[in-house]
């Protein structure tokens, strides 16, 4: 296995893994805060870094059937949420390619290095 490289994000509000503090996303990348994860509230992000994906599987969620893949932190392998690979209902297509990260699995870093 090769050396792991992490992406470090710059900005006033950075969301990171609550377990190891690896950067995940910028505040501006939040699409919605009105989602439900396995363990409570979750945020929908347009882009997330420093993650790996599990195998694609079909799941019946609150909004219907979706093809999703679990999202893991690249550093500590904690399950953070899931990525929408495919939505089968037309009204849910906007979720495709986006990630759900559970609020309990992330923390918000108020000040980080500015570019």
N, C-alpha and C. Protein backbone atom coordinates (compact mmCIF):
# COMPACT_ATOMS: atom_id res chain seq x y z
N UNK A 1 0.83 -1.17 0.00
CA UNK A 1 0.00 0.00 0.00
C UNK A 1 0.88 1.24 0.00
N UNK A 2 0.51 2.24 -0.83
CA UNK A 2 1.30 3.45 -0.95
C UNK A 2 1.02 4.46 0.14
N UNK A 3 1.72 5.55 0.07
CA UNK A 3 1.54 6.63 1.04
C UNK A 3 0.20 7.33 0.80
N UNK A 4 -0.52 7.61 1.88
CA UNK A 4 -1.81 8.28 1.78
C UNK A 4 -1.59 9.79 1.74
N UNK A 5 -2.24 10.45 0.77
CA UNK A 5 -2.19 11.89 0.68
C UNK A 5 -3.54 12.45 1.06
N UNK A 6 -3.52 13.47 1.90
CA UNK A 6 -4.77 14.12 2.32
C UNK A 6 -4.87 15.48 1.66
N UNK A 7 -6.11 15.86 1.36
CA UNK A 7 -6.38 17.20 0.85
C UNK A 7 -6.75 18.06 2.04
N UNK A 8 -6.13 19.23 2.14
CA UNK A 8 -6.43 20.18 3.20
C UNK A 8 -7.19 21.35 2.59
N UNK A 9 -8.33 21.66 3.16
CA UNK A 9 -9.19 22.71 2.63
C UNK A 9 -8.93 24.03 3.37
N UNK A 10 -9.11 25.13 2.67
CA UNK A 10 -8.96 26.47 3.24
C UNK A 10 -10.31 27.15 3.27
N UNK A 11 -10.54 27.92 4.30
CA UNK A 11 -11.78 28.68 4.39
C UNK A 11 -12.19 28.89 5.82
N UNK A 12 -13.23 29.71 6.02
CA UNK A 12 -13.65 30.04 7.39
C UNK A 12 -14.35 28.90 8.13
N UNK A 13 -15.04 28.00 7.40
CA UNK A 13 -15.76 26.90 8.06
C UNK A 13 -15.51 25.61 7.28
N UNK A 14 -14.76 24.71 7.90
CA UNK A 14 -14.40 23.43 7.27
C UNK A 14 -15.00 22.30 8.10
N UNK A 15 -15.67 21.38 7.44
CA UNK A 15 -16.21 20.19 8.12
C UNK A 15 -15.18 19.08 8.03
N UNK A 16 -14.98 18.39 9.16
CA UNK A 16 -13.97 17.34 9.23
C UNK A 16 -14.52 16.11 9.94
N UNK A 17 -13.82 14.99 9.79
CA UNK A 17 -14.19 13.75 10.46
C UNK A 17 -14.10 13.97 11.97
N UNK A 18 -15.14 13.62 12.69
CA UNK A 18 -15.14 13.83 14.14
C UNK A 18 -14.16 12.91 14.86
N UNK A 19 -13.77 11.83 14.22
CA UNK A 19 -12.86 10.87 14.84
C UNK A 19 -11.39 11.28 14.70
N UNK A 20 -10.97 11.68 13.49
CA UNK A 20 -9.55 11.95 13.25
C UNK A 20 -9.25 13.36 12.75
N UNK A 21 -10.29 14.18 12.55
CA UNK A 21 -10.17 15.59 12.12
C UNK A 21 -9.69 15.77 10.68
N UNK A 22 -9.74 14.74 9.86
CA UNK A 22 -9.42 14.87 8.44
C UNK A 22 -10.47 15.74 7.77
N UNK A 23 -10.02 16.70 6.97
CA UNK A 23 -10.94 17.61 6.28
C UNK A 23 -11.84 16.84 5.31
N UNK A 24 -13.12 17.25 5.26
CA UNK A 24 -14.10 16.61 4.38
C UNK A 24 -14.72 17.57 3.37
N UNK A 25 -15.17 18.74 3.82
CA UNK A 25 -15.88 19.65 2.92
C UNK A 25 -15.89 21.06 3.46
N UNK A 26 -16.12 22.02 2.56
CA UNK A 26 -16.30 23.41 2.93
C UNK A 26 -17.77 23.68 3.19
N UNK A 27 -18.05 24.68 4.01
CA UNK A 27 -19.43 25.06 4.32
C UNK A 27 -20.22 25.40 3.05
N UNK A 28 -19.57 26.02 2.08
CA UNK A 28 -20.23 26.42 0.84
C UNK A 28 -20.71 25.22 0.01
N UNK A 29 -20.23 24.03 0.32
CA UNK A 29 -20.60 22.84 -0.45
C UNK A 29 -21.84 22.14 0.11
N UNK A 30 -22.45 22.71 1.15
CA UNK A 30 -23.68 22.14 1.68
C UNK A 30 -24.82 22.45 0.73
N UNK A 31 -25.54 21.41 0.31
CA UNK A 31 -26.73 21.56 -0.53
C UNK A 31 -27.96 21.67 0.37
N UNK A 32 -27.99 20.86 1.43
CA UNK A 32 -29.12 20.87 2.35
C UNK A 32 -28.70 20.32 3.72
N UNK A 33 -29.32 20.89 4.77
CA UNK A 33 -29.11 20.39 6.13
C UNK A 33 -30.33 19.61 6.61
N UNK A 34 -31.28 19.36 5.73
CA UNK A 34 -32.57 18.74 6.10
C UNK A 34 -32.64 17.27 5.73
N UNK A 35 -31.57 16.52 6.01
CA UNK A 35 -31.56 15.10 5.69
C UNK A 35 -31.47 14.27 6.97
N UNK A 36 -31.87 13.02 6.85
CA UNK A 36 -31.84 12.08 7.97
C UNK A 36 -30.87 10.96 7.64
N UNK A 37 -29.91 10.72 8.53
CA UNK A 37 -28.97 9.62 8.36
C UNK A 37 -29.39 8.44 9.22
N UNK A 38 -28.52 7.47 9.34
CA UNK A 38 -28.81 6.29 10.17
C UNK A 38 -28.88 6.65 11.64
N UNK A 39 -28.09 7.66 12.05
CA UNK A 39 -27.98 8.01 13.47
C UNK A 39 -28.42 9.44 13.76
N UNK A 40 -29.35 9.97 12.99
CA UNK A 40 -29.83 11.33 13.24
C UNK A 40 -29.66 12.23 12.03
N UNK A 41 -29.59 13.54 12.31
CA UNK A 41 -29.49 14.52 11.24
C UNK A 41 -28.26 14.33 10.39
N UNK A 42 -28.39 14.75 9.12
CA UNK A 42 -27.29 14.64 8.18
C UNK A 42 -27.35 15.79 7.19
N UNK A 43 -26.21 16.10 6.59
CA UNK A 43 -26.11 17.16 5.59
C UNK A 43 -25.85 16.54 4.23
N UNK A 44 -26.41 17.14 3.18
CA UNK A 44 -26.13 16.74 1.80
C UNK A 44 -25.08 17.70 1.25
N UNK A 45 -23.94 17.16 0.82
CA UNK A 45 -22.84 17.96 0.28
C UNK A 45 -22.69 17.71 -1.22
N UNK A 46 -22.35 18.76 -1.95
CA UNK A 46 -22.12 18.62 -3.39
C UNK A 46 -20.77 17.97 -3.67
N UNK A 47 -19.80 18.15 -2.78
CA UNK A 47 -18.47 17.59 -2.98
C UNK A 47 -17.84 17.30 -1.62
N UNK A 48 -17.21 16.14 -1.49
CA UNK A 48 -16.52 15.74 -0.26
C UNK A 48 -15.17 15.17 -0.66
N UNK A 49 -14.12 15.50 0.12
CA UNK A 49 -12.76 15.01 -0.16
C UNK A 49 -12.32 14.05 0.94
N UNK A 50 -11.21 13.38 0.69
CA UNK A 50 -10.59 12.46 1.66
C UNK A 50 -11.53 11.32 2.08
N UNK A 51 -12.26 10.80 1.11
CA UNK A 51 -13.18 9.68 1.36
C UNK A 51 -12.90 8.54 0.41
N UNK A 52 -13.36 7.37 0.79
CA UNK A 52 -13.39 6.22 -0.11
C UNK A 52 -14.80 5.66 -0.08
N UNK A 53 -15.15 4.92 -1.12
CA UNK A 53 -16.50 4.40 -1.27
C UNK A 53 -16.53 2.89 -1.11
N UNK A 54 -17.59 2.41 -0.48
CA UNK A 54 -17.85 0.98 -0.41
C UNK A 54 -18.55 0.54 -1.70
N UNK A 55 -18.96 -0.72 -1.77
CA UNK A 55 -19.65 -1.21 -2.97
C UNK A 55 -21.03 -0.57 -3.13
N UNK A 56 -21.43 -0.43 -4.38
CA UNK A 56 -22.75 0.12 -4.70
C UNK A 56 -23.82 -0.91 -4.32
N UNK A 57 -24.91 -0.42 -3.70
CA UNK A 57 -26.03 -1.30 -3.36
C UNK A 57 -27.33 -0.51 -3.43
N UNK A 58 -28.41 -1.20 -3.71
CA UNK A 58 -29.73 -0.57 -3.73
C UNK A 58 -30.28 -0.54 -2.31
N UNK A 59 -30.79 0.64 -1.91
CA UNK A 59 -31.39 0.80 -0.58
C UNK A 59 -32.71 1.53 -0.70
N UNK A 60 -33.68 1.11 0.09
CA UNK A 60 -34.93 1.84 0.17
C UNK A 60 -34.77 2.85 1.31
N UNK A 61 -34.77 4.14 0.94
CA UNK A 61 -34.62 5.22 1.90
C UNK A 61 -35.97 5.94 2.05
N UNK A 62 -36.02 6.96 2.88
CA UNK A 62 -37.26 7.69 3.11
C UNK A 62 -37.88 8.18 1.81
N UNK A 63 -37.05 8.60 0.86
CA UNK A 63 -37.54 9.16 -0.40
C UNK A 63 -37.61 8.15 -1.54
N UNK A 64 -37.50 6.87 -1.23
CA UNK A 64 -37.64 5.84 -2.26
C UNK A 64 -36.37 5.04 -2.47
N UNK A 65 -36.35 4.30 -3.57
CA UNK A 65 -35.23 3.42 -3.89
C UNK A 65 -34.09 4.22 -4.52
N UNK A 66 -32.87 4.00 -4.00
CA UNK A 66 -31.66 4.65 -4.51
C UNK A 66 -30.53 3.64 -4.57
N UNK A 67 -29.62 3.82 -5.52
CA UNK A 67 -28.36 3.08 -5.54
C UNK A 67 -27.36 3.95 -4.81
N UNK A 68 -26.79 3.44 -3.73
CA UNK A 68 -25.87 4.21 -2.89
C UNK A 68 -24.60 3.41 -2.60
N UNK A 69 -23.58 4.11 -2.16
CA UNK A 69 -22.34 3.48 -1.70
C UNK A 69 -21.95 4.14 -0.39
N UNK A 70 -21.61 3.34 0.61
CA UNK A 70 -21.18 3.90 1.89
C UNK A 70 -19.92 4.74 1.68
N UNK A 71 -19.79 5.81 2.47
CA UNK A 71 -18.66 6.73 2.42
C UNK A 71 -17.83 6.53 3.68
N UNK A 72 -16.53 6.30 3.50
CA UNK A 72 -15.59 6.08 4.60
C UNK A 72 -14.55 7.19 4.63
N UNK A 73 -14.11 7.57 5.83
CA UNK A 73 -12.98 8.49 5.96
C UNK A 73 -11.72 7.77 5.47
N UNK A 74 -10.94 8.42 4.61
CA UNK A 74 -9.71 7.81 4.09
C UNK A 74 -8.67 7.57 5.17
N UNK A 75 -8.70 8.36 6.22
CA UNK A 75 -7.67 8.26 7.25
C UNK A 75 -7.99 7.20 8.30
N UNK A 76 -9.21 7.24 8.90
CA UNK A 76 -9.52 6.32 10.01
C UNK A 76 -10.56 5.25 9.65
N UNK A 77 -11.08 5.28 8.42
CA UNK A 77 -12.05 4.30 7.92
C UNK A 77 -13.40 4.32 8.63
N UNK A 78 -13.73 5.39 9.34
CA UNK A 78 -15.05 5.54 9.96
C UNK A 78 -16.10 5.70 8.86
N UNK A 79 -17.24 5.03 9.00
CA UNK A 79 -18.34 5.24 8.06
C UNK A 79 -18.95 6.60 8.38
N UNK A 80 -18.97 7.49 7.39
CA UNK A 80 -19.46 8.85 7.57
C UNK A 80 -20.88 9.04 7.07
N UNK A 81 -21.29 8.24 6.10
CA UNK A 81 -22.61 8.39 5.47
C UNK A 81 -22.65 7.58 4.20
N UNK A 82 -23.22 8.17 3.14
CA UNK A 82 -23.28 7.46 1.86
C UNK A 82 -23.30 8.44 0.70
N UNK A 83 -22.99 7.93 -0.48
CA UNK A 83 -23.03 8.70 -1.72
C UNK A 83 -24.16 8.17 -2.58
N UNK A 84 -24.95 9.08 -3.13
CA UNK A 84 -26.01 8.70 -4.05
C UNK A 84 -25.39 8.43 -5.42
N UNK A 85 -25.41 7.19 -5.85
CA UNK A 85 -24.88 6.81 -7.15
C UNK A 85 -25.96 6.97 -8.21
N UNK A 86 -27.18 6.55 -7.90
CA UNK A 86 -28.28 6.65 -8.85
C UNK A 86 -29.60 6.79 -8.09
N UNK A 87 -30.44 7.68 -8.60
CA UNK A 87 -31.80 7.82 -8.05
C UNK A 87 -32.76 7.30 -9.11
N UNK A 88 -33.72 6.50 -8.70
CA UNK A 88 -34.62 5.87 -9.66
C UNK A 88 -35.88 6.70 -9.92
N UNK A 89 -36.18 7.65 -9.04
CA UNK A 89 -37.33 8.52 -9.26
C UNK A 89 -36.84 9.86 -9.80
N UNK A 90 -37.55 10.40 -10.78
CA UNK A 90 -37.14 11.64 -11.44
C UNK A 90 -36.95 12.80 -10.45
N UNK A 91 -37.83 12.89 -9.46
CA UNK A 91 -37.76 14.00 -8.50
C UNK A 91 -36.54 13.93 -7.59
N UNK A 92 -35.85 12.79 -7.57
CA UNK A 92 -34.69 12.60 -6.70
C UNK A 92 -33.35 12.64 -7.45
N UNK A 93 -33.38 12.87 -8.75
CA UNK A 93 -32.17 12.86 -9.57
C UNK A 93 -31.13 13.89 -9.13
N UNK A 94 -31.56 14.99 -8.51
CA UNK A 94 -30.63 16.03 -8.08
C UNK A 94 -29.62 15.52 -7.05
N UNK A 95 -29.90 14.40 -6.41
CA UNK A 95 -29.01 13.84 -5.38
C UNK A 95 -27.84 13.06 -5.98
N UNK A 96 -27.96 12.65 -7.23
CA UNK A 96 -26.93 11.80 -7.84
C UNK A 96 -25.56 12.47 -7.79
N UNK A 97 -24.56 11.72 -7.33
CA UNK A 97 -23.20 12.21 -7.23
C UNK A 97 -22.91 13.00 -5.96
N UNK A 98 -23.91 13.23 -5.15
CA UNK A 98 -23.74 13.99 -3.91
C UNK A 98 -23.63 13.03 -2.71
N UNK A 99 -23.10 13.56 -1.60
CA UNK A 99 -22.86 12.73 -0.42
C UNK A 99 -23.66 13.21 0.78
N UNK A 100 -24.16 12.26 1.53
CA UNK A 100 -24.77 12.49 2.84
C UNK A 100 -23.69 12.21 3.89
N UNK A 101 -23.44 13.20 4.75
CA UNK A 101 -22.53 13.00 5.87
C UNK A 101 -23.33 13.24 7.14
N UNK A 102 -23.30 12.28 8.04
CA UNK A 102 -24.08 12.39 9.28
C UNK A 102 -23.44 13.42 10.21
N UNK A 103 -24.29 14.25 10.80
CA UNK A 103 -23.83 15.31 11.69
C UNK A 103 -23.00 14.76 12.85
N UNK A 104 -23.39 13.60 13.37
CA UNK A 104 -22.68 12.98 14.49
C UNK A 104 -21.28 12.50 14.09
N UNK A 105 -21.00 12.37 12.80
CA UNK A 105 -19.72 11.84 12.33
C UNK A 105 -18.77 12.94 11.87
N UNK A 106 -19.19 14.21 11.98
CA UNK A 106 -18.33 15.31 11.53
C UNK A 106 -18.34 16.44 12.56
N UNK A 107 -17.30 17.25 12.48
CA UNK A 107 -17.22 18.45 13.31
C UNK A 107 -16.91 19.61 12.39
N UNK A 108 -17.21 20.82 12.85
CA UNK A 108 -16.97 22.01 12.05
C UNK A 108 -15.81 22.78 12.66
N UNK A 109 -14.78 22.97 11.87
CA UNK A 109 -13.61 23.72 12.30
C UNK A 109 -13.86 25.18 11.96
N UNK A 110 -13.98 26.07 12.95
CA UNK A 110 -14.33 27.45 12.67
C UNK A 110 -13.26 28.26 11.95
N UNK A 111 -11.98 28.02 12.24
CA UNK A 111 -10.92 28.81 11.60
C UNK A 111 -9.82 27.86 11.13
N UNK A 112 -9.48 27.98 9.86
CA UNK A 112 -8.37 27.19 9.30
C UNK A 112 -7.45 28.14 8.56
N UNK A 113 -6.38 27.61 8.03
CA UNK A 113 -5.45 28.42 7.28
C UNK A 113 -6.11 29.01 6.05
N UNK A 114 -5.88 30.27 5.80
CA UNK A 114 -6.43 30.94 4.61
C UNK A 114 -5.39 30.85 3.51
N UNK A 115 -5.89 30.70 2.29
CA UNK A 115 -4.99 30.59 1.13
C UNK A 115 -4.37 31.94 0.80
